[in-house]
Amino acid sequence: MTDWLIAVLLVGGGVFCLLGAVGIVRLPDLYTRMQASTKAGTLGAGMVALAAGIGFGDLDAAMRCGLVMVFLFLTAPVGSHLIARAAHRRGVPLWGGSVVDHLRERGGN
C-alpha cells in the first residue's frame, strides 16, 4: 500500500513540477511566470519530499524530509514575493492584458 502512495506522490510531484516549467515558458510576463513556478514548483517538490520521507521508512529521514517541506513552504513564496516587488520597483512592465496594478494604485511601495 505504501508503494502505491509513494508512486502517486512522486508522479503527482513530477506533474506539478512539469506544470511549473510549462508555466514559465507559456505565461506572458515576469509576475505570472513567477506565480506559476513558485506555486507549482513548491507543491511538486513538497510532494516528492513527502514521498521520500515515506519511502525511507526511517523516523530520522522522515523528519529531515518534513523539515525540507517546511523550509520550502516558508521560503519559496516569500522569496517570490520579494523578487516580484523588486521587479515592480525597477519598472518591469506588466502584461498588456493586466487589468489592475494594486502597487501602482498605492503609490508603488
N, C-alpha and C. Protein backbone atom coordinates (compact mmCIF):
# COMPACT_ATOMS: atom_id res chain seq x y z
N MET A 1 0.82 -1.20 0.00
CA MET A 1 0.00 0.00 0.00
C MET A 1 0.86 1.26 0.00
N THR A 2 1.94 1.25 0.79
CA THR A 2 2.79 2.44 0.82
C THR A 2 3.52 2.64 -0.50
N ASP A 3 3.78 1.55 -1.22
CA ASP A 3 4.42 1.70 -2.53
C ASP A 3 3.52 2.47 -3.49
N TRP A 4 2.22 2.22 -3.42
CA TRP A 4 1.29 2.96 -4.27
C TRP A 4 1.21 4.43 -3.87
N LEU A 5 1.21 4.68 -2.58
CA LEU A 5 1.18 6.06 -2.10
C LEU A 5 2.44 6.81 -2.53
N ILE A 6 3.58 6.17 -2.41
CA ILE A 6 4.84 6.79 -2.83
C ILE A 6 4.82 7.06 -4.33
N ALA A 7 4.33 6.09 -5.11
CA ALA A 7 4.26 6.27 -6.56
C ALA A 7 3.34 7.42 -6.94
N VAL A 8 2.19 7.51 -6.27
CA VAL A 8 1.25 8.60 -6.57
C VAL A 8 1.87 9.95 -6.21
N LEU A 9 2.55 10.03 -5.06
CA LEU A 9 3.19 11.28 -4.66
C LEU A 9 4.30 11.67 -5.62
N LEU A 10 5.11 10.71 -6.05
CA LEU A 10 6.19 11.02 -6.98
C LEU A 10 5.67 11.47 -8.34
N VAL A 11 4.66 10.76 -8.85
CA VAL A 11 4.09 11.16 -10.14
C VAL A 11 3.40 12.51 -10.03
N GLY A 12 2.65 12.71 -8.94
CA GLY A 12 1.98 14.00 -8.74
C GLY A 12 2.99 15.13 -8.60
N GLY A 13 4.05 14.90 -7.85
CA GLY A 13 5.09 15.92 -7.71
C GLY A 13 5.76 16.23 -9.03
N GLY A 14 6.01 15.19 -9.82
CA GLY A 14 6.59 15.41 -11.14
C GLY A 14 5.68 16.19 -12.06
N VAL A 15 4.39 15.89 -11.98
CA VAL A 15 3.41 16.61 -12.82
C VAL A 15 3.35 18.08 -12.42
N PHE A 16 3.34 18.36 -11.12
CA PHE A 16 3.31 19.76 -10.69
C PHE A 16 4.58 20.50 -11.10
N CYS A 17 5.73 19.85 -10.98
CA CYS A 17 6.98 20.49 -11.42
C CYS A 17 6.96 20.73 -12.93
N LEU A 18 6.42 19.78 -13.69
CA LEU A 18 6.30 19.96 -15.13
C LEU A 18 5.36 21.11 -15.46
N LEU A 19 4.25 21.21 -14.75
CA LEU A 19 3.32 22.33 -14.97
C LEU A 19 3.96 23.67 -14.64
N GLY A 20 4.78 23.71 -13.61
CA GLY A 20 5.51 24.93 -13.30
C GLY A 20 6.47 25.31 -14.42
N ALA A 21 7.15 24.32 -14.99
CA ALA A 21 8.06 24.59 -16.10
C ALA A 21 7.31 25.06 -17.34
N VAL A 22 6.17 24.45 -17.61
CA VAL A 22 5.35 24.89 -18.75
C VAL A 22 4.85 26.31 -18.52
N GLY A 23 4.49 26.63 -17.28
CA GLY A 23 4.04 27.99 -16.96
C GLY A 23 5.13 29.02 -17.19
N ILE A 24 6.37 28.66 -16.90
CA ILE A 24 7.48 29.59 -17.14
C ILE A 24 7.61 29.89 -18.63
N VAL A 25 7.42 28.88 -19.44
CA VAL A 25 7.58 29.05 -20.88
C VAL A 25 6.37 29.75 -21.50
N ARG A 26 5.17 29.43 -21.05
CA ARG A 26 3.97 29.87 -21.74
C ARG A 26 3.35 31.18 -21.25
N LEU A 27 3.59 31.56 -20.02
CA LEU A 27 2.90 32.73 -19.48
C LEU A 27 3.57 34.03 -19.96
N PRO A 28 2.81 35.13 -20.02
CA PRO A 28 3.27 36.31 -20.74
C PRO A 28 4.26 37.23 -20.04
N ASP A 29 4.25 37.33 -18.72
CA ASP A 29 5.14 38.30 -18.09
C ASP A 29 5.80 37.71 -16.86
N LEU A 30 6.73 38.46 -16.30
CA LEU A 30 7.52 38.01 -15.17
C LEU A 30 6.65 37.62 -13.98
N TYR A 31 5.64 38.38 -13.70
CA TYR A 31 4.85 38.18 -12.50
C TYR A 31 4.03 36.89 -12.56
N THR A 32 3.40 36.63 -13.69
CA THR A 32 2.63 35.39 -13.81
C THR A 32 3.56 34.18 -13.91
N ARG A 33 4.70 34.34 -14.53
CA ARG A 33 5.68 33.24 -14.57
C ARG A 33 6.17 32.88 -13.18
N MET A 34 6.42 33.90 -12.38
CA MET A 34 6.88 33.64 -11.01
C MET A 34 5.80 32.96 -10.20
N GLN A 35 4.56 33.34 -10.40
CA GLN A 35 3.47 32.71 -9.67
C GLN A 35 3.38 31.23 -10.03
N ALA A 36 3.45 30.93 -11.31
CA ALA A 36 3.34 29.53 -11.75
C ALA A 36 4.51 28.71 -11.23
N SER A 37 5.70 29.24 -11.34
CA SER A 37 6.86 28.46 -10.92
C SER A 37 6.89 28.28 -9.40
N THR A 38 6.50 29.29 -8.67
CA THR A 38 6.54 29.19 -7.21
C THR A 38 5.48 28.23 -6.68
N LYS A 39 4.25 28.41 -7.11
CA LYS A 39 3.18 27.55 -6.58
C LYS A 39 3.34 26.10 -7.02
N ALA A 40 3.50 25.88 -8.31
CA ALA A 40 3.60 24.51 -8.80
C ALA A 40 4.91 23.86 -8.37
N GLY A 41 5.99 24.61 -8.41
CA GLY A 41 7.28 24.05 -8.01
C GLY A 41 7.34 23.70 -6.54
N THR A 42 6.79 24.55 -5.70
CA THR A 42 6.78 24.28 -4.27
C THR A 42 5.92 23.06 -3.95
N LEU A 43 4.74 22.98 -4.54
CA LEU A 43 3.88 21.84 -4.29
C LEU A 43 4.51 20.56 -4.83
N GLY A 44 5.09 20.62 -6.03
CA GLY A 44 5.72 19.44 -6.61
C GLY A 44 6.90 18.95 -5.79
N ALA A 45 7.77 19.86 -5.39
CA ALA A 45 8.92 19.47 -4.58
C ALA A 45 8.49 18.98 -3.20
N GLY A 46 7.43 19.56 -2.66
CA GLY A 46 6.90 19.10 -1.38
C GLY A 46 6.35 17.69 -1.47
N MET A 47 5.68 17.38 -2.57
CA MET A 47 5.17 16.02 -2.75
C MET A 47 6.29 15.01 -2.91
N VAL A 48 7.34 15.39 -3.62
CA VAL A 48 8.49 14.49 -3.77
C VAL A 48 9.19 14.29 -2.43
N ALA A 49 9.33 15.34 -1.65
CA ALA A 49 9.94 15.21 -0.32
C ALA A 49 9.08 14.34 0.59
N LEU A 50 7.77 14.49 0.50
CA LEU A 50 6.88 13.64 1.29
C LEU A 50 7.02 12.18 0.88
N ALA A 51 7.11 11.92 -0.42
CA ALA A 51 7.30 10.55 -0.90
C ALA A 51 8.63 9.99 -0.40
N ALA A 52 9.67 10.81 -0.39
CA ALA A 52 10.97 10.35 0.11
C ALA A 52 10.89 10.06 1.60
N GLY A 53 10.21 10.91 2.34
CA GLY A 53 10.07 10.67 3.77
C GLY A 53 9.33 9.39 4.08
N ILE A 54 8.30 9.09 3.31
CA ILE A 54 7.57 7.84 3.50
C ILE A 54 8.39 6.65 3.02
N GLY A 55 9.08 6.85 1.90
CA GLY A 55 9.82 5.75 1.28
C GLY A 55 11.00 5.26 2.10
N PHE A 56 11.68 6.14 2.79
CA PHE A 56 12.82 5.70 3.58
C PHE A 56 12.38 4.89 4.79
N GLY A 57 11.21 5.16 5.31
CA GLY A 57 10.69 4.38 6.42
C GLY A 57 11.43 4.56 7.73
N ASP A 58 12.28 5.53 7.80
CA ASP A 58 13.08 5.81 8.99
C ASP A 58 12.60 7.13 9.57
N LEU A 59 12.47 7.19 10.88
CA LEU A 59 11.98 8.40 11.52
C LEU A 59 12.92 9.58 11.29
N ASP A 60 14.21 9.34 11.32
CA ASP A 60 15.19 10.41 11.11
C ASP A 60 15.07 10.99 9.69
N ALA A 61 14.96 10.11 8.70
CA ALA A 61 14.82 10.57 7.32
C ALA A 61 13.48 11.28 7.12
N ALA A 62 12.43 10.77 7.75
CA ALA A 62 11.12 11.41 7.63
C ALA A 62 11.12 12.80 8.25
N MET A 63 11.81 12.95 9.37
CA MET A 63 11.91 14.28 10.00
C MET A 63 12.68 15.25 9.11
N ARG A 64 13.75 14.77 8.50
CA ARG A 64 14.52 15.64 7.59
C ARG A 64 13.68 16.05 6.38
N CYS A 65 12.96 15.11 5.81
CA CYS A 65 12.10 15.44 4.68
C CYS A 65 10.98 16.40 5.10
N GLY A 66 10.48 16.23 6.29
CA GLY A 66 9.47 17.16 6.81
C GLY A 66 10.03 18.55 6.98
N LEU A 67 11.27 18.64 7.47
CA LEU A 67 11.90 19.96 7.61
C LEU A 67 12.16 20.60 6.25
N VAL A 68 12.51 19.78 5.26
CA VAL A 68 12.68 20.31 3.90
C VAL A 68 11.36 20.88 3.40
N MET A 69 10.27 20.17 3.64
CA MET A 69 8.96 20.66 3.20
C MET A 69 8.59 21.97 3.90
N VAL A 70 8.82 22.04 5.19
CA VAL A 70 8.52 23.27 5.93
C VAL A 70 9.36 24.42 5.39
N PHE A 71 10.65 24.17 5.16
CA PHE A 71 11.53 25.20 4.63
C PHE A 71 11.05 25.67 3.26
N LEU A 72 10.66 24.73 2.39
CA LEU A 72 10.16 25.09 1.06
C LEU A 72 8.90 25.94 1.14
N PHE A 73 7.95 25.50 1.96
CA PHE A 73 6.67 26.20 2.03
C PHE A 73 6.78 27.56 2.72
N LEU A 74 7.82 27.77 3.50
CA LEU A 74 8.00 29.08 4.13
C LEU A 74 8.83 30.04 3.29
N THR A 75 9.83 29.54 2.60
CA THR A 75 10.76 30.44 1.91
C THR A 75 10.42 30.72 0.46
N ALA A 76 9.89 29.77 -0.27
CA ALA A 76 9.63 29.98 -1.70
C ALA A 76 8.61 31.10 -1.96
N PRO A 77 7.47 31.13 -1.29
CA PRO A 77 6.52 32.22 -1.54
C PRO A 77 7.06 33.59 -1.10
N VAL A 78 7.80 33.62 -0.01
CA VAL A 78 8.35 34.89 0.46
C VAL A 78 9.39 35.40 -0.52
N GLY A 79 10.27 34.51 -0.98
CA GLY A 79 11.28 34.91 -1.96
C GLY A 79 10.65 35.39 -3.26
N SER A 80 9.64 34.69 -3.72
CA SER A 80 8.95 35.08 -4.95
C SER A 80 8.29 36.45 -4.79
N HIS A 81 7.69 36.68 -3.66
CA HIS A 81 7.04 37.98 -3.41
C HIS A 81 8.08 39.10 -3.41
N LEU A 82 9.21 38.88 -2.78
CA LEU A 82 10.23 39.92 -2.73
C LEU A 82 10.83 40.20 -4.10
N ILE A 83 11.04 39.16 -4.89
CA ILE A 83 11.57 39.36 -6.24
C ILE A 83 10.56 40.12 -7.10
N ALA A 84 9.28 39.77 -6.99
CA ALA A 84 8.25 40.47 -7.76
C ALA A 84 8.15 41.93 -7.34
N ARG A 85 8.25 42.19 -6.06
CA ARG A 85 8.18 43.56 -5.58
C ARG A 85 9.38 44.38 -6.07
N ALA A 86 10.56 43.78 -6.05
CA ALA A 86 11.75 44.47 -6.55
C ALA A 86 11.64 44.71 -8.06
N ALA A 87 11.10 43.74 -8.78
CA ALA A 87 10.91 43.93 -10.23
C ALA A 87 9.93 45.05 -10.49
N HIS A 88 8.88 45.14 -9.71
CA HIS A 88 7.90 46.22 -9.89
C HIS A 88 8.53 47.57 -9.62
N ARG A 89 9.35 47.64 -8.58
CA ARG A 89 10.03 48.92 -8.28
C ARG A 89 11.01 49.32 -9.37
N ARG A 90 11.61 48.33 -10.02
CA ARG A 90 12.55 48.61 -11.11
C ARG A 90 11.84 48.97 -12.41
N GLY A 91 10.53 48.78 -12.44
CA GLY A 91 9.76 49.17 -13.61
C GLY A 91 9.57 48.08 -14.64
N VAL A 92 9.69 46.81 -14.24
CA VAL A 92 9.41 45.72 -15.17
C VAL A 92 7.93 45.78 -15.53
N PRO A 93 7.62 45.86 -16.81
CA PRO A 93 6.22 46.08 -17.20
C PRO A 93 5.34 44.87 -16.97
N LEU A 94 4.07 45.16 -16.68
CA LEU A 94 3.06 44.12 -16.59
C LEU A 94 2.65 43.70 -17.99
N TRP A 95 2.01 42.56 -18.09
CA TRP A 95 1.44 42.11 -19.35
C TRP A 95 0.38 43.09 -19.79
N GLY A 96 0.24 43.31 -21.07
CA GLY A 96 -0.73 44.26 -21.60
C GLY A 96 -2.17 43.96 -21.21
N GLY A 97 -2.48 42.70 -20.97
CA GLY A 97 -3.84 42.31 -20.60
C GLY A 97 -4.12 42.39 -19.12
N SER A 98 -3.17 42.87 -18.34
CA SER A 98 -3.40 43.01 -16.90
C SER A 98 -4.45 44.09 -16.65
N VAL A 99 -5.36 43.81 -15.76
CA VAL A 99 -6.49 44.71 -15.53
C VAL A 99 -6.16 45.75 -14.47
N VAL A 100 -5.48 45.35 -13.41
CA VAL A 100 -5.26 46.26 -12.29
C VAL A 100 -3.84 46.08 -11.77
N ASP A 101 -3.29 47.17 -11.28
CA ASP A 101 -1.96 47.17 -10.66
C ASP A 101 -2.11 47.77 -9.26
N HIS A 102 -2.27 46.92 -8.27
CA HIS A 102 -2.52 47.39 -6.91
C HIS A 102 -1.35 48.17 -6.33
N LEU A 103 -0.13 47.81 -6.69
CA LEU A 103 1.02 48.53 -6.15
C LEU A 103 1.09 49.95 -6.69
N ARG A 104 0.80 50.13 -7.93
CA ARG A 104 0.83 51.47 -8.50
C ARG A 104 -0.27 52.33 -7.90
N GLU A 105 -1.43 51.71 -7.62
CA GLU A 105 -2.54 52.45 -7.02
C GLU A 105 -2.21 52.93 -5.61
N ARG A 106 -1.36 52.17 -4.89
CA ARG A 106 -1.00 52.55 -3.53
C ARG A 106 0.25 53.41 -3.47
N GLY A 107 0.79 53.78 -4.60
CA GLY A 107 1.95 54.65 -4.60
C GLY A 107 3.26 53.91 -4.91
N GLY A 108 3.19 52.64 -5.27
CA GLY A 108 4.37 51.93 -5.71
C GLY A 108 5.18 51.26 -4.61
N ASN A 109 4.82 51.41 -3.36
CA ASN A 109 5.61 50.77 -2.30
C ASN A 109 4.84 49.71 -1.67
